[in-house]
Amino acid sequence: MNSYFVTATGTDIGKTFCTAGLLRANPGLRAIKPLLSGYEAGAPSDSSELLAAMGRGVTEQNIAAITPWRFKAPLSPDMAAAREGQRIDYAALLGFCRAALAEGPTLIEGAGGAAVPLTETKMTADWIADLAVPVLLASGTYLGSISHCITTAEFLLRRGIFIHAILLNESATAPVPTEETQAALARYLPCRIFPVKRNARVEDFASLAL
């Protein structure tokens, strides 16, 4: 089992749903979500969902252990940090991730999409490239998702980032069956495409070889 970086074509695509599903299907896997915007202490969050999927208690201490950078404003990490008079220490971010990777197979869930800014000079794609881990790219099946997915995938591939699989997460507003979107993407992208139904079960995620 390997480690992966889970990113997406945008925000609210289903990264956490997919990450949690993979955690439940692979008990030896761990996950971290180093950056989280829109965080409210005591409220449900992406980090609390990941902890639950790992069978760990949802406490502030455990949330801090997998998500050390938490910001209240639901904005890109650089903007959310600035609202609180902070800047994200990129070197510290890389160090935190590398320490987690050294402990064993880990899913690193990003914030927002692959091009979201983290600092004045770094974005998620830089973060992925510097960690040198393959990507699981979450995409939707909403109207326009094909263009968004191809654009994001080519953006990553041109930076030398390997995409292990595209997690094609079925959108609530999908205009066509997931299989049609999958077939359309397969004509243009040299990547494995793994369809994820809205009612996907643990055993469905188990079929994705990690």
N, C-alpha and C. Protein backbone atom coordinates (compact mmCIF):
# COMPACT_ATOMS: atom_id res chain seq x y z
N MET A 1 0.84 -1.19 0.00
CA MET A 1 0.00 0.00 0.00
C MET A 1 0.89 1.25 0.00
N ASN A 2 0.53 2.22 -0.82
CA ASN A 2 1.32 3.43 -0.95
C ASN A 2 0.62 4.64 -0.33
N SER A 3 1.33 5.76 -0.33
CA SER A 3 0.77 7.02 0.14
C SER A 3 0.32 7.84 -1.07
N TYR A 4 -0.70 8.69 -0.86
CA TYR A 4 -1.24 9.49 -1.95
C TYR A 4 -1.66 10.86 -1.44
N PHE A 5 -1.69 11.80 -2.38
CA PHE A 5 -2.22 13.13 -2.09
C PHE A 5 -3.59 13.22 -2.76
N VAL A 6 -4.61 13.53 -1.98
CA VAL A 6 -5.97 13.64 -2.50
C VAL A 6 -6.27 15.11 -2.78
N THR A 7 -6.40 15.45 -4.04
CA THR A 7 -6.76 16.80 -4.42
C THR A 7 -7.99 16.74 -5.32
N ALA A 8 -8.40 17.89 -5.84
CA ALA A 8 -9.66 17.92 -6.60
C ALA A 8 -9.63 18.98 -7.68
N THR A 9 -10.68 18.96 -8.49
CA THR A 9 -10.83 19.96 -9.55
C THR A 9 -11.37 21.27 -8.99
N GLY A 10 -11.81 21.27 -7.75
CA GLY A 10 -12.36 22.47 -7.12
C GLY A 10 -12.75 22.15 -5.69
N THR A 11 -13.53 23.03 -5.09
CA THR A 11 -13.96 22.80 -3.72
C THR A 11 -15.33 22.12 -3.69
N ASP A 12 -15.61 21.43 -2.60
CA ASP A 12 -16.89 20.72 -2.43
C ASP A 12 -17.14 19.70 -3.55
N ILE A 13 -16.09 19.04 -3.97
CA ILE A 13 -16.20 18.02 -5.02
C ILE A 13 -16.40 16.63 -4.41
N GLY A 14 -15.90 16.44 -3.19
CA GLY A 14 -16.06 15.14 -2.54
C GLY A 14 -14.75 14.50 -2.11
N LYS A 15 -13.70 15.33 -1.92
CA LYS A 15 -12.42 14.78 -1.47
C LYS A 15 -12.56 14.00 -0.17
N THR A 16 -13.22 14.61 0.81
CA THR A 16 -13.32 13.99 2.13
C THR A 16 -14.17 12.72 2.08
N PHE A 17 -15.25 12.75 1.31
CA PHE A 17 -16.08 11.55 1.16
C PHE A 17 -15.25 10.39 0.61
N CYS A 18 -14.44 10.68 -0.40
CA CYS A 18 -13.60 9.64 -1.00
C CYS A 18 -12.49 9.21 -0.06
N THR A 19 -11.85 10.17 0.60
CA THR A 19 -10.77 9.84 1.53
C THR A 19 -11.30 8.96 2.66
N ALA A 20 -12.45 9.33 3.21
CA ALA A 20 -13.04 8.55 4.30
C ALA A 20 -13.41 7.15 3.83
N GLY A 21 -13.93 7.04 2.62
CA GLY A 21 -14.27 5.72 2.08
C GLY A 21 -13.05 4.84 1.92
N LEU A 22 -11.96 5.42 1.46
CA LEU A 22 -10.72 4.66 1.29
C LEU A 22 -10.14 4.25 2.64
N LEU A 23 -10.27 5.11 3.64
CA LEU A 23 -9.79 4.77 4.98
C LEU A 23 -10.55 3.57 5.54
N ARG A 24 -11.85 3.58 5.38
CA ARG A 24 -12.67 2.48 5.91
C ARG A 24 -12.40 1.17 5.16
N ALA A 25 -12.05 1.29 3.89
CA ALA A 25 -11.79 0.09 3.09
C ALA A 25 -10.37 -0.44 3.26
N ASN A 26 -9.49 0.39 3.82
CA ASN A 26 -8.08 0.01 4.00
C ASN A 26 -7.65 0.33 5.42
N PRO A 27 -7.90 -0.57 6.38
CA PRO A 27 -7.63 -0.30 7.80
C PRO A 27 -6.19 0.08 8.12
N GLY A 28 -5.23 -0.32 7.28
CA GLY A 28 -3.84 0.02 7.55
C GLY A 28 -3.45 1.41 7.10
N LEU A 29 -4.39 2.13 6.53
CA LEU A 29 -4.14 3.46 5.97
C LEU A 29 -4.44 4.54 7.00
N ARG A 30 -3.68 5.62 6.95
CA ARG A 30 -3.90 6.78 7.82
C ARG A 30 -4.19 7.98 6.94
N ALA A 31 -4.68 9.06 7.54
CA ALA A 31 -4.93 10.28 6.78
C ALA A 31 -4.63 11.50 7.61
N ILE A 32 -4.19 12.55 6.93
CA ILE A 32 -4.05 13.86 7.54
C ILE A 32 -4.69 14.88 6.60
N LYS A 33 -5.17 15.95 7.15
CA LYS A 33 -5.66 17.09 6.37
C LYS A 33 -5.02 18.33 6.98
N PRO A 34 -3.80 18.63 6.56
CA PRO A 34 -3.01 19.66 7.25
C PRO A 34 -3.66 21.03 7.30
N LEU A 35 -4.38 21.41 6.24
CA LEU A 35 -4.99 22.73 6.15
C LEU A 35 -6.50 22.62 6.10
N LEU A 36 -7.19 23.45 6.87
CA LEU A 36 -8.65 23.45 6.85
C LEU A 36 -9.17 24.86 7.06
N SER A 37 -9.94 25.34 6.09
CA SER A 37 -10.61 26.63 6.20
C SER A 37 -12.07 26.40 6.57
N GLY A 38 -12.71 27.43 7.11
CA GLY A 38 -14.11 27.30 7.50
C GLY A 38 -14.30 26.43 8.72
N TYR A 39 -13.30 26.43 9.61
CA TYR A 39 -13.36 25.55 10.78
C TYR A 39 -14.03 26.24 11.96
N GLU A 40 -14.94 25.52 12.60
CA GLU A 40 -15.59 25.97 13.83
C GLU A 40 -15.39 24.88 14.87
N ALA A 41 -14.75 25.20 15.96
CA ALA A 41 -14.51 24.21 17.02
C ALA A 41 -15.83 23.62 17.50
N GLY A 42 -15.87 22.31 17.59
CA GLY A 42 -17.07 21.62 18.06
C GLY A 42 -18.07 21.29 16.99
N ALA A 43 -17.91 21.85 15.80
CA ALA A 43 -18.84 21.58 14.70
C ALA A 43 -18.27 20.47 13.80
N PRO A 44 -19.14 19.74 13.10
CA PRO A 44 -18.65 18.72 12.16
C PRO A 44 -17.72 19.35 11.12
N SER A 45 -16.69 18.64 10.75
CA SER A 45 -15.71 19.16 9.79
C SER A 45 -15.12 18.02 8.99
N ASP A 46 -14.37 18.37 7.96
CA ASP A 46 -13.68 17.34 7.19
C ASP A 46 -12.76 16.53 8.09
N SER A 47 -12.07 17.21 8.99
CA SER A 47 -11.14 16.52 9.89
C SER A 47 -11.85 15.55 10.82
N SER A 48 -13.01 15.95 11.33
CA SER A 48 -13.75 15.05 12.22
C SER A 48 -14.26 13.83 11.45
N GLU A 49 -14.60 14.03 10.17
CA GLU A 49 -15.05 12.90 9.35
C GLU A 49 -13.91 11.91 9.12
N LEU A 50 -12.71 12.43 8.91
CA LEU A 50 -11.55 11.55 8.70
C LEU A 50 -11.21 10.80 9.97
N LEU A 51 -11.28 11.47 11.11
CA LEU A 51 -11.01 10.80 12.38
C LEU A 51 -11.99 9.66 12.60
N ALA A 52 -13.27 9.92 12.33
CA ALA A 52 -14.29 8.88 12.51
C ALA A 52 -14.01 7.69 11.59
N ALA A 53 -13.57 7.98 10.36
CA ALA A 53 -13.27 6.90 9.41
C ALA A 53 -12.08 6.06 9.86
N MET A 54 -11.18 6.67 10.64
CA MET A 54 -10.02 5.94 11.16
C MET A 54 -10.32 5.28 12.50
N GLY A 55 -11.54 5.47 13.01
CA GLY A 55 -11.91 4.89 14.29
C GLY A 55 -11.30 5.61 15.47
N ARG A 56 -10.97 6.89 15.29
CA ARG A 56 -10.38 7.67 16.36
C ARG A 56 -11.41 8.65 16.91
N GLY A 57 -11.29 8.98 18.18
CA GLY A 57 -12.22 9.90 18.80
C GLY A 57 -12.13 11.29 18.20
N VAL A 58 -13.29 11.93 18.05
CA VAL A 58 -13.32 13.28 17.50
C VAL A 58 -13.17 14.28 18.65
N THR A 59 -11.93 14.60 18.97
CA THR A 59 -11.61 15.56 20.02
C THR A 59 -10.77 16.67 19.41
N GLU A 60 -10.72 17.81 20.09
CA GLU A 60 -9.90 18.92 19.58
C GLU A 60 -8.44 18.50 19.49
N GLN A 61 -7.99 17.69 20.43
CA GLN A 61 -6.60 17.23 20.42
C GLN A 61 -6.32 16.37 19.19
N ASN A 62 -7.23 15.46 18.87
CA ASN A 62 -7.04 14.60 17.71
C ASN A 62 -7.18 15.38 16.40
N ILE A 63 -8.08 16.35 16.39
CA ILE A 63 -8.22 17.19 15.20
C ILE A 63 -6.93 17.97 14.96
N ALA A 64 -6.36 18.52 16.03
CA ALA A 64 -5.11 19.27 15.90
C ALA A 64 -3.97 18.38 15.43
N ALA A 65 -4.03 17.11 15.78
CA ALA A 65 -2.95 16.18 15.40
C ALA A 65 -2.92 15.91 13.90
N ILE A 66 -4.09 15.93 13.25
CA ILE A 66 -4.11 15.68 11.80
C ILE A 66 -4.32 16.97 11.00
N THR A 67 -4.75 18.03 11.67
CA THR A 67 -5.00 19.31 11.00
C THR A 67 -4.45 20.45 11.85
N PRO A 68 -3.14 20.67 11.79
CA PRO A 68 -2.56 21.72 12.64
C PRO A 68 -2.88 23.14 12.19
N TRP A 69 -3.18 23.34 10.91
CA TRP A 69 -3.51 24.68 10.42
C TRP A 69 -5.02 24.76 10.19
N ARG A 70 -5.71 25.41 11.10
CA ARG A 70 -7.17 25.53 11.03
C ARG A 70 -7.55 27.01 11.08
N PHE A 71 -8.42 27.41 10.16
CA PHE A 71 -8.81 28.81 10.06
C PHE A 71 -10.33 28.93 9.97
N LYS A 72 -10.86 29.99 10.50
CA LYS A 72 -12.31 30.16 10.58
C LYS A 72 -12.94 30.55 9.25
N ALA A 73 -12.32 31.44 8.51
CA ALA A 73 -12.93 31.94 7.27
C ALA A 73 -12.94 30.85 6.19
N PRO A 74 -14.08 30.66 5.51
CA PRO A 74 -14.16 29.65 4.44
C PRO A 74 -13.59 30.19 3.13
N LEU A 75 -12.28 30.40 3.13
CA LEU A 75 -11.58 30.98 1.99
C LEU A 75 -10.38 30.11 1.63
N SER A 76 -9.66 30.48 0.59
CA SER A 76 -8.43 29.76 0.27
C SER A 76 -7.50 29.89 1.47
N PRO A 77 -6.63 28.90 1.70
CA PRO A 77 -5.80 28.91 2.91
C PRO A 77 -5.01 30.19 3.13
N ASP A 78 -4.45 30.76 2.05
CA ASP A 78 -3.68 31.99 2.23
C ASP A 78 -4.55 33.14 2.71
N MET A 79 -5.75 33.27 2.14
CA MET A 79 -6.66 34.34 2.54
C MET A 79 -7.21 34.10 3.94
N ALA A 80 -7.57 32.85 4.24
CA ALA A 80 -8.10 32.52 5.56
C ALA A 80 -7.07 32.80 6.64
N ALA A 81 -5.81 32.46 6.37
CA ALA A 81 -4.74 32.72 7.33
C ALA A 81 -4.55 34.22 7.53
N ALA A 82 -4.59 34.97 6.43
CA ALA A 82 -4.39 36.42 6.51
C ALA A 82 -5.48 37.09 7.34
N ARG A 83 -6.70 36.57 7.29
CA ARG A 83 -7.79 37.14 8.08
C ARG A 83 -7.49 37.05 9.58
N GLU A 84 -6.63 36.10 9.95
CA GLU A 84 -6.28 35.91 11.36
C GLU A 84 -4.88 36.41 11.67
N GLY A 85 -4.35 37.22 10.74
CA GLY A 85 -3.03 37.79 10.94
C GLY A 85 -1.91 36.78 10.87
N GLN A 86 -2.12 35.70 10.12
CA GLN A 86 -1.12 34.64 10.03
C GLN A 86 -0.68 34.42 8.58
N ARG A 87 0.42 33.68 8.46
CA ARG A 87 0.88 33.19 7.17
C ARG A 87 1.20 31.71 7.33
N ILE A 88 0.92 30.94 6.31
CA ILE A 88 1.24 29.52 6.37
C ILE A 88 2.74 29.33 6.15
N ASP A 89 3.37 28.65 7.08
CA ASP A 89 4.79 28.34 6.98
C ASP A 89 4.93 27.13 6.06
N TYR A 90 5.32 27.38 4.82
CA TYR A 90 5.35 26.31 3.82
C TYR A 90 6.34 25.21 4.18
N ALA A 91 7.50 25.60 4.69
CA ALA A 91 8.50 24.61 5.09
C ALA A 91 7.97 23.73 6.21
N ALA A 92 7.26 24.34 7.16
CA ALA A 92 6.68 23.56 8.27
C ALA A 92 5.59 22.63 7.76
N LEU A 93 4.82 23.09 6.77
CA LEU A 93 3.77 22.26 6.16
C LEU A 93 4.38 21.01 5.52
N LEU A 94 5.46 21.21 4.76
CA LEU A 94 6.13 20.07 4.15
C LEU A 94 6.70 19.13 5.21
N GLY A 95 7.28 19.70 6.24
CA GLY A 95 7.85 18.88 7.31
C GLY A 95 6.81 18.04 8.01
N PHE A 96 5.64 18.62 8.27
CA PHE A 96 4.55 17.89 8.91
C PHE A 96 4.11 16.71 8.04
N CYS A 97 3.98 16.95 6.75
CA CYS A 97 3.55 15.89 5.83
C CYS A 97 4.60 14.79 5.71
N ARG A 98 5.85 15.18 5.61
CA ARG A 98 6.92 14.18 5.48
C ARG A 98 7.03 13.31 6.72
N ALA A 99 6.80 13.90 7.87
CA ALA A 99 6.82 13.11 9.11
C ALA A 99 5.70 12.08 9.10
N ALA A 100 4.53 12.48 8.62
CA ALA A 100 3.40 11.54 8.53
C ALA A 100 3.68 10.43 7.53
N LEU A 101 4.26 10.80 6.39
CA LEU A 101 4.57 9.80 5.36
C LEU A 101 5.60 8.79 5.86
N ALA A 102 6.51 9.25 6.70
CA ALA A 102 7.55 8.36 7.23
C ALA A 102 6.99 7.30 8.17
N GLU A 103 5.79 7.55 8.70
CA GLU A 103 5.18 6.61 9.65
C GLU A 103 4.44 5.46 8.96
N GLY A 104 4.18 5.59 7.67
CA GLY A 104 3.48 4.53 6.96
C GLY A 104 2.54 5.09 5.90
N PRO A 105 1.82 4.22 5.19
CA PRO A 105 0.92 4.65 4.12
C PRO A 105 -0.07 5.70 4.62
N THR A 106 -0.09 6.83 3.94
CA THR A 106 -0.88 7.97 4.39
C THR A 106 -1.59 8.64 3.22
N LEU A 107 -2.82 9.04 3.44
CA LEU A 107 -3.54 9.90 2.51
C LEU A 107 -3.41 11.33 3.02
N ILE A 108 -2.90 12.21 2.18
CA ILE A 108 -2.82 13.63 2.53
C ILE A 108 -3.92 14.34 1.77
N GLU A 109 -4.92 14.80 2.47
CA GLU A 109 -6.02 15.50 1.80
C GLU A 109 -5.73 16.99 1.76
N GLY A 110 -5.78 17.54 0.56
CA GLY A 110 -5.53 18.96 0.39
C GLY A 110 -6.74 19.81 0.73
N ALA A 111 -6.61 21.10 0.47
CA ALA A 111 -7.70 22.05 0.71
C ALA A 111 -8.13 22.62 -0.64
N GLY A 112 -9.41 22.47 -0.99
CA GLY A 112 -9.87 23.00 -2.26
C GLY A 112 -9.29 22.24 -3.43
N GLY A 113 -9.03 22.98 -4.51
CA GLY A 113 -8.54 22.35 -5.73
C GLY A 113 -7.04 22.36 -5.87
N ALA A 114 -6.57 21.82 -6.99
CA ALA A 114 -5.13 21.64 -7.21
C ALA A 114 -4.37 22.94 -7.39
N ALA A 115 -5.05 24.02 -7.72
CA ALA A 115 -4.36 25.29 -7.94
C ALA A 115 -4.69 26.32 -6.86
N VAL A 116 -5.24 25.88 -5.74
CA VAL A 116 -5.58 26.84 -4.69
C VAL A 116 -4.30 27.40 -4.07
N PRO A 117 -4.22 28.73 -3.85
CA PRO A 117 -3.02 29.33 -3.26
C PRO A 117 -2.88 28.97 -1.78
N LEU A 118 -1.64 28.72 -1.38
CA LEU A 118 -1.31 28.44 0.02
C LEU A 118 -0.55 29.60 0.65
N THR A 119 0.34 30.17 -0.14
CA THR A 119 1.13 31.33 0.29
C THR A 119 1.17 32.30 -0.89
N GLU A 120 1.99 33.33 -0.79
CA GLU A 120 2.10 34.28 -1.89
C GLU A 120 2.76 33.67 -3.13
N THR A 121 3.50 32.59 -2.93
CA THR A 121 4.24 32.01 -4.06
C THR A 121 3.98 30.51 -4.28
N LYS A 122 3.25 29.88 -3.39
CA LYS A 122 3.03 28.43 -3.49
C LYS A 122 1.54 28.10 -3.57
N MET A 123 1.24 27.08 -4.38
CA MET A 123 -0.13 26.58 -4.48
C MET A 123 -0.11 25.07 -4.22
N THR A 124 -1.28 24.47 -4.22
CA THR A 124 -1.37 23.04 -3.90
C THR A 124 -0.51 22.19 -4.83
N ALA A 125 -0.47 22.53 -6.11
CA ALA A 125 0.34 21.74 -7.05
C ALA A 125 1.82 21.74 -6.65
N ASP A 126 2.32 22.86 -6.13
CA ASP A 126 3.71 22.92 -5.66
C ASP A 126 3.89 21.99 -4.46
N TRP A 127 2.92 22.02 -3.58
CA TRP A 127 2.91 21.16 -2.38
C TRP A 127 3.01 19.69 -2.78
N ILE A 128 2.20 19.29 -3.75
CA ILE A 128 2.21 17.90 -4.22
C ILE A 128 3.56 17.56 -4.84
N ALA A 129 4.05 18.43 -5.71
CA ALA A 129 5.32 18.17 -6.39
C ALA A 129 6.47 18.06 -5.41
N ASP A 130 6.49 18.90 -4.39
CA ASP A 130 7.57 18.88 -3.41
C ASP A 130 7.53 17.62 -2.55
N LEU A 131 6.34 17.08 -2.32
CA LEU A 131 6.23 15.84 -1.55
C LEU A 131 6.52 14.61 -2.42
N ALA A 132 6.39 14.78 -3.73
CA ALA A 132 6.68 13.70 -4.69
C ALA A 132 5.86 12.44 -4.40
N VAL A 133 4.56 12.63 -4.17
CA VAL A 133 3.66 11.49 -3.99
C VAL A 133 2.62 11.51 -5.12
N PRO A 134 2.12 10.35 -5.53
CA PRO A 134 1.10 10.31 -6.57
C PRO A 134 -0.22 10.89 -6.09
N VAL A 135 -1.05 11.23 -7.05
CA VAL A 135 -2.31 11.93 -6.76
C VAL A 135 -3.52 11.05 -6.99
N LEU A 136 -4.51 11.23 -6.13
CA LEU A 136 -5.87 10.77 -6.37
C LEU A 136 -6.66 12.05 -6.62
N LEU A 137 -7.16 12.21 -7.83
CA LEU A 137 -7.83 13.45 -8.23
C LEU A 137 -9.34 13.27 -8.19
N ALA A 138 -9.99 13.97 -7.27
CA ALA A 138 -11.45 13.91 -7.16
C ALA A 138 -12.09 14.88 -8.14
N SER A 139 -13.06 14.37 -8.87
CA SER A 139 -13.80 15.20 -9.82
C SER A 139 -15.27 14.86 -9.69
N GLY A 140 -16.12 15.72 -10.22
CA GLY A 140 -17.56 15.49 -10.16
C GLY A 140 -18.11 15.07 -11.51
N THR A 141 -19.44 14.96 -11.58
CA THR A 141 -20.10 14.62 -12.84
C THR A 141 -21.16 15.66 -13.20
N TYR A 142 -21.07 16.83 -12.58
CA TYR A 142 -21.99 17.93 -12.86
C TYR A 142 -21.72 18.48 -14.26
N LEU A 143 -22.63 19.32 -14.76
CA LEU A 143 -22.44 19.94 -16.07
C LEU A 143 -21.19 20.82 -16.04
N GLY A 144 -20.25 20.55 -16.92
CA GLY A 144 -18.99 21.29 -16.94
C GLY A 144 -17.83 20.54 -16.31
N SER A 145 -18.14 19.43 -15.65
CA SER A 145 -17.09 18.70 -14.93
C SER A 145 -16.05 18.08 -15.86
N ILE A 146 -16.44 17.72 -17.06
CA ILE A 146 -15.47 17.11 -17.98
C ILE A 146 -14.35 18.10 -18.29
N SER A 147 -14.72 19.33 -18.62
CA SER A 147 -13.71 20.35 -18.89
C SER A 147 -12.86 20.63 -17.66
N HIS A 148 -13.49 20.74 -16.50
CA HIS A 148 -12.75 21.01 -15.27
C HIS A 148 -11.76 19.89 -14.97
N CYS A 149 -12.18 18.65 -15.17
CA CYS A 149 -11.31 17.51 -14.88
C CYS A 149 -10.13 17.44 -15.84
N ILE A 150 -10.40 17.60 -17.12
CA ILE A 150 -9.32 17.55 -18.11
C ILE A 150 -8.32 18.68 -17.86
N THR A 151 -8.83 19.87 -17.60
CA THR A 151 -7.95 21.02 -17.34
C THR A 151 -7.06 20.77 -16.13
N THR A 152 -7.65 20.28 -15.05
CA THR A 152 -6.87 20.03 -13.83
C THR A 152 -5.87 18.91 -14.02
N ALA A 153 -6.30 17.83 -14.66
CA ALA A 153 -5.40 16.69 -14.88
C ALA A 153 -4.21 17.09 -15.74
N GLU A 154 -4.46 17.83 -16.82
CA GLU A 154 -3.35 18.25 -17.68
C GLU A 154 -2.43 19.22 -16.95
N PHE A 155 -2.99 20.07 -16.11
CA PHE A 155 -2.20 21.00 -15.30
C PHE A 155 -1.23 20.23 -14.40
N LEU A 156 -1.71 19.17 -13.78
CA LEU A 156 -0.87 18.36 -12.90
C LEU A 156 0.15 17.55 -13.71
N LEU A 157 -0.30 16.93 -14.78
CA LEU A 157 0.59 16.09 -15.58
C LEU A 157 1.74 16.90 -16.18
N ARG A 158 1.47 18.12 -16.60
CA ARG A 158 2.52 18.96 -17.18
C ARG A 158 3.55 19.39 -16.14
N ARG A 159 3.20 19.29 -14.88
CA ARG A 159 4.15 19.58 -13.80
C ARG A 159 4.88 18.32 -13.35
N GLY A 160 4.68 17.23 -14.06
CA GLY A 160 5.37 15.99 -13.73
C GLY A 160 4.76 15.23 -12.58
N ILE A 161 3.51 15.54 -12.25
CA ILE A 161 2.83 14.88 -11.13
C ILE A 161 2.05 13.67 -11.66
N PHE A 162 2.28 12.53 -11.05
CA PHE A 162 1.61 11.30 -11.50
C PHE A 162 0.23 11.18 -10.86
N ILE A 163 -0.77 10.94 -11.69
CA ILE A 163 -2.14 10.74 -11.22
C ILE A 163 -2.41 9.24 -11.16
N HIS A 164 -2.52 8.71 -9.96
CA HIS A 164 -2.78 7.27 -9.81
C HIS A 164 -4.19 6.94 -10.29
N ALA A 165 -5.15 7.80 -9.98
CA ALA A 165 -6.53 7.57 -10.41
C ALA A 165 -7.33 8.85 -10.28
N ILE A 166 -8.34 8.96 -11.13
CA ILE A 166 -9.34 10.02 -10.99
C ILE A 166 -10.53 9.41 -10.27
N LEU A 167 -10.91 10.02 -9.15
CA LEU A 167 -12.06 9.56 -8.39
C LEU A 167 -13.27 10.33 -8.90
N LEU A 168 -14.04 9.70 -9.75
CA LEU A 168 -15.17 10.36 -10.40
C LEU A 168 -16.40 10.27 -9.50
N ASN A 169 -16.56 11.29 -8.69
CA ASN A 169 -17.58 11.31 -7.65
C ASN A 169 -18.91 11.79 -8.23
N GLU A 170 -19.91 10.94 -8.20
CA GLU A 170 -21.22 11.25 -8.78
C GLU A 170 -21.84 12.49 -8.12
N SER A 171 -22.15 13.49 -8.93
CA SER A 171 -22.73 14.74 -8.42
C SER A 171 -24.25 14.62 -8.33
N ALA A 172 -24.83 15.38 -7.38
CA ALA A 172 -26.28 15.36 -7.20
C ALA A 172 -27.00 15.89 -8.44
N THR A 173 -26.33 16.79 -9.17
CA THR A 173 -26.95 17.41 -10.34
C THR A 173 -26.42 16.84 -11.65
N ALA A 174 -25.93 15.62 -11.63
CA ALA A 174 -25.35 15.02 -12.84
C ALA A 174 -26.38 14.96 -13.96
N PRO A 175 -26.06 15.53 -15.14
CA PRO A 175 -27.02 15.52 -16.25
C PRO A 175 -27.05 14.20 -17.02
N VAL A 176 -25.99 13.39 -16.86
CA VAL A 176 -25.91 12.10 -17.55
C VAL A 176 -25.38 11.06 -16.57
N PRO A 177 -25.54 9.77 -16.86
CA PRO A 177 -24.98 8.73 -15.99
C PRO A 177 -23.46 8.87 -15.85
N THR A 178 -22.96 8.47 -14.70
CA THR A 178 -21.52 8.56 -14.43
C THR A 178 -20.70 7.87 -15.51
N GLU A 179 -21.21 6.76 -16.02
CA GLU A 179 -20.48 5.99 -17.03
C GLU A 179 -20.22 6.81 -18.29
N GLU A 180 -21.15 7.70 -18.64
CA GLU A 180 -20.95 8.53 -19.83
C GLU A 180 -19.84 9.54 -19.61
N THR A 181 -19.82 10.14 -18.42
CA THR A 181 -18.74 11.08 -18.11
C THR A 181 -17.40 10.35 -18.07
N GLN A 182 -17.40 9.16 -17.50
CA GLN A 182 -16.17 8.35 -17.43
C GLN A 182 -15.65 8.06 -18.84
N ALA A 183 -16.52 7.68 -19.74
CA ALA A 183 -16.11 7.36 -21.11
C ALA A 183 -15.56 8.59 -21.83
N ALA A 184 -16.19 9.73 -21.59
CA ALA A 184 -15.72 10.97 -22.22
C ALA A 184 -14.32 11.33 -21.73
N LEU A 185 -14.09 11.22 -20.43
CA LEU A 185 -12.77 11.54 -19.88
C LEU A 185 -11.70 10.58 -20.38
N ALA A 186 -12.07 9.31 -20.51
CA ALA A 186 -11.12 8.29 -20.93
C ALA A 186 -10.59 8.53 -22.35
N ARG A 187 -11.35 9.26 -23.15
CA ARG A 187 -10.89 9.56 -24.51
C ARG A 187 -9.73 10.55 -24.52
N TYR A 188 -9.61 11.33 -23.45
CA TYR A 188 -8.63 12.41 -23.43
C TYR A 188 -7.52 12.26 -22.40
N LEU A 189 -7.74 11.46 -21.37
CA LEU A 189 -6.77 11.38 -20.28
C LEU A 189 -6.18 9.98 -20.13
N PRO A 190 -4.85 9.89 -19.97
CA PRO A 190 -4.19 8.59 -19.80
C PRO A 190 -4.17 8.16 -18.34
N CYS A 191 -5.30 8.29 -17.68
CA CYS A 191 -5.38 8.01 -16.24
C CYS A 191 -6.47 6.98 -15.97
N ARG A 192 -6.28 6.19 -14.93
CA ARG A 192 -7.35 5.30 -14.50
C ARG A 192 -8.48 6.15 -13.93
N ILE A 193 -9.71 5.81 -14.26
CA ILE A 193 -10.87 6.55 -13.77
C ILE A 193 -11.72 5.60 -12.92
N PHE A 194 -11.91 5.99 -11.68
CA PHE A 194 -12.61 5.14 -10.71
C PHE A 194 -13.94 5.80 -10.35
N PRO A 195 -15.08 5.29 -10.85
CA PRO A 195 -16.38 5.90 -10.55
C PRO A 195 -16.79 5.68 -9.10
N VAL A 196 -17.31 6.73 -8.49
CA VAL A 196 -17.77 6.67 -7.10
C VAL A 196 -19.24 7.08 -7.05
N LYS A 197 -20.12 6.13 -6.81
CA LYS A 197 -21.55 6.42 -6.72
C LYS A 197 -21.86 7.18 -5.43
N ARG A 198 -22.96 7.90 -5.43
CA ARG A 198 -23.33 8.69 -4.25
C ARG A 198 -23.59 7.80 -3.03
N ASN A 199 -24.03 6.59 -3.28
CA ASN A 199 -24.30 5.64 -2.19
C ASN A 199 -23.19 4.61 -2.06
N ALA A 200 -21.97 4.99 -2.45
CA ALA A 200 -20.84 4.05 -2.45
C ALA A 200 -20.62 3.45 -1.06
N ARG A 201 -20.37 2.15 -1.04
CA ARG A 201 -20.15 1.42 0.21
C ARG A 201 -18.66 1.15 0.39
N VAL A 202 -18.31 0.66 1.57
CA VAL A 202 -16.91 0.37 1.87
C VAL A 202 -16.32 -0.59 0.84
N GLU A 203 -17.07 -1.62 0.49
CA GLU A 203 -16.57 -2.61 -0.45
C GLU A 203 -16.34 -2.03 -1.84
N ASP A 204 -17.08 -0.95 -2.18
CA ASP A 204 -16.85 -0.30 -3.47
C ASP A 204 -15.47 0.35 -3.50
N PHE A 205 -15.11 1.02 -2.41
CA PHE A 205 -13.79 1.66 -2.34
C PHE A 205 -12.67 0.63 -2.28
N ALA A 206 -12.97 -0.54 -1.76
CA ALA A 206 -11.95 -1.59 -1.63
C ALA A 206 -11.44 -2.06 -2.99
N SER A 207 -12.22 -1.83 -4.03
CA SER A 207 -11.82 -2.30 -5.36
C SER A 207 -10.78 -1.40 -6.02
N LEU A 208 -10.49 -0.24 -5.41
CA LEU A 208 -9.44 0.63 -5.93
C LEU A 208 -8.11 0.22 -5.31
N ALA A 209 -7.24 -0.34 -6.11
CA ALA A 209 -5.95 -0.81 -5.59
C ALA A 209 -5.05 0.36 -5.22
N LEU A 210 -4.62 0.36 -3.98
CA LEU A 210 -3.71 1.40 -3.50
C LEU A 210 -2.32 0.82 -3.27
